C-alpha atoms as a PDB file:
ATOM      1  CA  MET A   1      94.754 127.776 108.814  1.00  0.00           C
ATOM      2  CA  SER A   2      95.396 124.688 110.909  1.00  0.00           C
ATOM      3  CA  ASP A   3      98.203 124.454 113.431  1.00  0.00           C
ATOM      4  CA  TRP A   4     100.751 121.638 113.518  1.00  0.00           C
ATOM      5  CA  LYS A   5      98.836 119.692 116.168  1.00  0.00           C
ATOM      6  CA  THR A   6      95.693 119.597 114.036  1.00  0.00           C
ATOM      7  CA  HIS A   7      97.752 118.480 111.024  1.00  0.00           C
ATOM      8  CA  VAL A   8      99.316 115.651 113.037  1.00  0.00           C
ATOM      9  CA  LEU A   9      95.994 114.444 114.471  1.00  0.00           C
ATOM     10  CA  PHE A  10      94.275 114.566 111.080  1.00  0.00           C
ATOM     11  CA  GLY A  11      97.282 112.838 109.482  1.00  0.00           C
ATOM     12  CA  ILE A  12      97.186 109.971 111.979  1.00  0.00           C
ATOM     13  CA  VAL A  13      93.457 109.407 111.429  1.00  0.00           C
ATOM     14  CA  PHE A  14      93.771 109.763 107.643  1.00  0.00           C
ATOM     15  CA  VAL A  15      96.715 107.367 107.295  1.00  0.00           C
ATOM     16  CA  ALA A  16      95.281 104.868 109.802  1.00  0.00           C
ATOM     17  CA  LEU A  17      92.058 104.737 107.775  1.00  0.00           C
ATOM     18  CA  PHE A  18      93.921 104.011 104.538  1.00  0.00           C
ATOM     19  CA  TYR A  19      96.336 101.643 106.251  1.00  0.00           C
ATOM     20  CA  PHE A  20      93.525  99.450 107.553  1.00  0.00           C
ATOM     21  CA  LEU A  21      91.542  99.709 104.292  1.00  0.00           C
ATOM     22  CA  PHE A  22      94.521  98.603 102.201  1.00  0.00           C
ATOM     23  CA  THR A  23      95.458  95.787 104.546  1.00  0.00           C
ATOM     24  CA  HIS A  24      91.839  94.553 104.272  1.00  0.00           C
ATOM     25  CA  LYS A  25      91.313  94.096 107.978  1.00  0.00           C
ATOM     26  CA  GLN A  26      87.802  93.344 109.186  1.00  0.00           C
ATOM     27  CA  GLN A  27      88.774  93.655 112.816  1.00  0.00           C
ATOM     28  CA  LEU A  28      91.640  95.211 114.717  1.00  0.00           C
ATOM     29  CA  THR A  29      94.075  92.768 116.309  1.00  0.00           C
ATOM     30  CA  LEU A  30      97.110  93.231 118.516  1.00  0.00           C
ATOM     31  CA  ILE A  31      99.366  92.693 115.469  1.00  0.00           C
ATOM     32  CA  ASP A  32      97.779  95.716 113.781  1.00  0.00           C
ATOM     33  CA  LEU A  33      99.052  97.944 116.535  1.00  0.00           C
ATOM     34  CA  LYS A  34     102.388  97.888 114.699  1.00  0.00           C
ATOM     35  CA  PHE A  35     100.895 100.805 112.761  1.00  0.00           C
ATOM     36  CA  PHE A  36     101.805 102.998 115.713  1.00  0.00           C
ATOM     37  CA  ILE A  37     105.536 102.519 115.105  1.00  0.00           C
ATOM     38  CA  TYR A  38     105.035 104.661 111.993  1.00  0.00           C
ATOM     39  CA  ILE A  39     103.808 107.688 113.961  1.00  0.00           C
ATOM     40  CA  PRO A  40     107.234 109.435 114.176  1.00  0.00           C
ATOM     41  CA  LEU A  41     107.577 109.150 110.383  1.00  0.00           C
ATOM     42  CA  LEU A  42     104.001 110.295 109.975  1.00  0.00           C
ATOM     43  CA  PHE A  43     104.612 113.254 112.303  1.00  0.00           C
ATOM     44  CA  PHE A  44     107.545 114.333 110.120  1.00  0.00           C
ATOM     45  CA  PHE A  45     105.768 113.958 106.764  1.00  0.00           C
ATOM     46  CA  VAL A  46     102.547 115.618 107.933  1.00  0.00           C
ATOM     47  CA  GLN A  47     104.604 118.704 108.807  1.00  0.00           C
ATOM     48  CA  LEU A  48     106.969 118.651 105.809  1.00  0.00           C
ATOM     49  CA  PRO A  49     104.826 120.807 103.448  1.00  0.00           C
ATOM     50  CA  ASP A  50     105.293 123.712 105.884  1.00  0.00           C
ATOM     51  CA  LEU A  51     109.080 123.585 105.634  1.00  0.00           C
ATOM     52  CA  ASP A  52     108.785 126.691 103.437  1.00  0.00           C
ATOM     53  CA  SER A  53     106.965 128.624 106.182  1.00  0.00           C
ATOM     54  CA  GLU A  54     109.230 130.851 108.234  1.00  0.00           C
ATOM     55  CA  HIS A  55     107.499 130.209 111.557  1.00  0.00           C
ATOM     56  CA  SER A  56     106.568 126.552 111.165  1.00  0.00           C
ATOM     57  CA  PHE A  57     107.351 123.940 113.788  1.00  0.00           C
ATOM     58  CA  ILE A  58     109.063 121.645 111.272  1.00  0.00           C
ATOM     59  CA  ARG A  59     111.369 124.396 110.017  1.00  0.00           C
ATOM     60  CA  ARG A  60     112.484 125.309 113.525  1.00  0.00           C
ATOM     61  CA  LEU A  61     113.014 121.637 114.358  1.00  0.00           C
ATOM     62  CA  LEU A  62     114.975 120.900 111.175  1.00  0.00           C
ATOM     63  CA  ASN A  63     117.083 124.036 111.591  1.00  0.00           C
ATOM     64  CA  ILE A  64     118.145 122.889 115.065  1.00  0.00           C
ATOM     65  CA  ILE A  65     118.784 119.313 113.940  1.00  0.00           C
ATOM     66  CA  GLY A  66     120.573 120.502 110.785  1.00  0.00           C
ATOM     67  CA  ILE A  67     122.887 122.833 112.681  1.00  0.00           C
ATOM     68  CA  LEU A  68     123.703 120.114 115.215  1.00  0.00           C
ATOM     69  CA  MET A  69     124.428 117.686 112.375  1.00  0.00           C
ATOM     70  CA  ILE A  70     126.709 120.200 110.634  1.00  0.00           C
ATOM     71  CA  ILE A  71     128.660 120.758 113.866  1.00  0.00           C
ATOM     72  CA  GLY A  72     128.875 116.994 114.423  1.00  0.00           C
ATOM     73  CA  PHE A  73     130.119 116.305 110.889  1.00  0.00           C
ATOM     74  CA  ILE A  74     132.700 119.087 111.102  1.00  0.00           C
ATOM     75  CA  LEU A  75     133.974 117.557 114.358  1.00  0.00           C
ATOM     76  CA  LEU A  76     134.088 114.127 112.692  1.00  0.00           C
ATOM     77  CA  THR A  77     136.109 115.657 109.845  1.00  0.00           C
ATOM     78  CA  LEU A  78     138.603 117.085 112.303  1.00  0.00           C
ATOM     79  CA  LEU A  79     138.835 113.876 114.336  1.00  0.00           C
ATOM     80  CA  LEU A  80     138.834 111.299 111.537  1.00  0.00           C
ATOM     81  CA  LYS A  81     140.512 113.413 108.835  1.00  0.00           C
ATOM     82  CA  ASN A  82     137.884 112.308 106.306  1.00  0.00           C
ATOM     83  CA  ASN A  83     136.545 114.985 103.942  1.00  0.00           C
ATOM     84  CA  ILE A  84     133.310 113.118 103.222  1.00  0.00           C
ATOM     85  CA  TYR A  85     131.854 114.674 106.375  1.00  0.00           C
ATOM     86  CA  ILE A  86     132.536 118.171 105.029  1.00  0.00           C
ATOM     87  CA  LEU A  87     130.608 117.193 101.898  1.00  0.00           C
ATOM     88  CA  ILE A  88     127.686 115.933 104.004  1.00  0.00           C
ATOM     89  CA  SER A  89     127.771 119.147 106.073  1.00  0.00           C
ATOM     90  CA  THR A  90     127.710 121.233 102.903  1.00  0.00           C
ATOM     91  CA  ILE A  91     124.707 119.309 101.531  1.00  0.00           C
ATOM     92  CA  ILE A  92     122.807 119.806 104.810  1.00  0.00           C
ATOM     93  CA  LEU A  93     123.649 123.516 104.771  1.00  0.00           C
ATOM     94  CA  ILE A  94     122.454 123.866 101.165  1.00  0.00           C
ATOM     95  CA  ILE A  95     119.151 122.139 102.024  1.00  0.00           C
ATOM     96  CA  LEU A  96     118.640 124.438 105.006  1.00  0.00           C
ATOM     97  CA  LEU A  97     119.383 127.519 102.899  1.00  0.00           C
ATOM     98  CA  LEU A  98     117.108 126.357 100.069  1.00  0.00           C
ATOM     99  CA  SER A  99     114.195 126.090 102.502  1.00  0.00           C
ATOM    100  CA  TYR A 100     114.444 129.865 102.945  1.00  0.00           C
ATOM    101  CA  LEU A 101     114.142 130.479  99.202  1.00  0.00           C
ATOM    102  CA  LEU A 102     110.912 128.542  98.730  1.00  0.00           C
ATOM    103  CA  LYS A 103     107.631 130.422  98.538  1.00  0.00           C
ATOM    104  CA  HIS A 104     105.104 129.371 101.196  1.00  0.00           C
ATOM    105  CA  ARG A 105     102.412 127.114  99.751  1.00  0.00           C
ATOM    106  CA  GLY A 106     104.474 126.783  96.600  1.00  0.00           C
ATOM    107  CA  ILE A 107     106.076 123.597  95.273  1.00  0.00           C
ATOM    108  CA  LEU A 108     106.002 121.903  98.689  1.00  0.00           C
ATOM    109  CA  HIS A 109     102.207 122.203  98.754  1.00  0.00           C
ATOM    110  CA  THR A 110     101.751 120.035  95.656  1.00  0.00           C
ATOM    111  CA  ILE A 111     101.342 116.362  94.850  1.00  0.00           C
ATOM    112  CA  LEU A 112     104.664 116.566  93.001  1.00  0.00           C
ATOM    113  CA  GLY A 113     106.314 117.735  96.246  1.00  0.00           C
ATOM    114  CA  ALA A 114     104.703 114.819  98.095  1.00  0.00           C
ATOM    115  CA  ILE A 115     105.988 112.322  95.542  1.00  0.00           C
ATOM    116  CA  VAL A 116     109.521 113.726  95.373  1.00  0.00           C
ATOM    117  CA  LEU A 117     109.953 113.928  99.140  1.00  0.00           C
ATOM    118  CA  SER A 118     108.323 110.538  99.824  1.00  0.00           C
ATOM    119  CA  LEU A 119     110.037 108.638  97.020  1.00  0.00           C
ATOM    120  CA  PRO A 120     113.320 107.942  98.886  1.00  0.00           C
ATOM    121  CA  LEU A 121     111.263 105.938 101.419  1.00  0.00           C
ATOM    122  CA  LEU A 122     110.338 103.538  98.632  1.00  0.00           C
ATOM    123  CA  LEU A 123     113.984 102.429  98.575  1.00  0.00           C
ATOM    124  CA  ILE A 124     113.476 101.150 102.124  1.00  0.00           C
ATOM    125  CA  SER A 125     109.936  99.772 101.965  1.00  0.00           C
ATOM    126  CA  PHE A 126     106.586 100.371 100.325  1.00  0.00           C
ATOM    127  CA  ILE A 127     104.786 100.772 103.655  1.00  0.00           C
ATOM    128  CA  LEU A 128     107.153 103.596 104.679  1.00  0.00           C
ATOM    129  CA  PHE A 129     106.530 105.306 101.344  1.00  0.00           C
ATOM    130  CA  PHE A 130     102.784 104.809 101.777  1.00  0.00           C
ATOM    131  CA  VAL A 131     102.767 106.286 105.298  1.00  0.00           C
ATOM    132  CA  GLY A 132     104.968 109.241 104.307  1.00  0.00           C
ATOM    133  CA  PHE A 133     103.036 110.014 101.126  1.00  0.00           C
ATOM    134  CA  CYS A 134      99.596 109.726 102.752  1.00  0.00           C
ATOM    135  CA  GLY A 135     100.730 111.842 105.708  1.00  0.00           C
ATOM    136  CA  TYR A 136     101.995 114.516 103.326  1.00  0.00           C
ATOM    137  CA  ILE A 137      98.750 114.426 101.300  1.00  0.00           C
ATOM    138  CA  SER A 138      96.684 114.700 104.507  1.00  0.00           C
ATOM    139  CA  HIS A 139      98.378 118.054 105.157  1.00  0.00           C
ATOM    140  CA  LEU A 140      97.399 119.281 101.681  1.00  0.00           C
ATOM    141  CA  ILE A 141      93.793 118.103 102.166  1.00  0.00           C
ATOM    142  CA  LEU A 142      93.502 119.890 105.498  1.00  0.00           C
ATOM    143  CA  ASP A 143      94.932 123.077 103.976  1.00  0.00           C
ATOM    144  CA  GLY A 144      92.405 122.763 101.153  1.00  0.00           C
ATOM    145  CA  LYS A 145      95.126 123.192  98.552  1.00  0.00           C
ATOM    146  CA  ILE A 146      95.805 120.216  96.345  1.00  0.00           C
ATOM    147  CA  SER A 147      97.488 120.788  93.019  1.00  0.00           C
ATOM    148  CA  LEU A 148      99.574 118.538  90.830  1.00  0.00           C
ATOM    149  CA  TYR A 149     102.576 120.906  90.620  1.00  0.00           C
END
């Protein structure tokens, strides 16, 4: 089983290959280096299939970020007297709790999981969706487990 560093490295190479193939570049130019601004997004999506793994890097990271966000939104609720922040905190808490109920290498290790979790990026831009989806799929390829659902 590959560690998170191997997944990230493979994901960068995999997505860069497809990125340059689909942009039909014969040679690399300075403009093409804009690909590297997508690396933080790629890092996140390459790790996302392991959110259901108890000891994964992405789960620990998202737990810390999620808890900090919940605390921040509760403070905003108290300061601004706006209940929308309690709703946002509750949604974040539900997502964090749901990650504990998922079976490792279950629904998150499928093409359906890749589509569902990458799809919101399509609302922003196709290239973000493309990078997220390909990064996610690279994780499945490296794990040797690709199934539709």
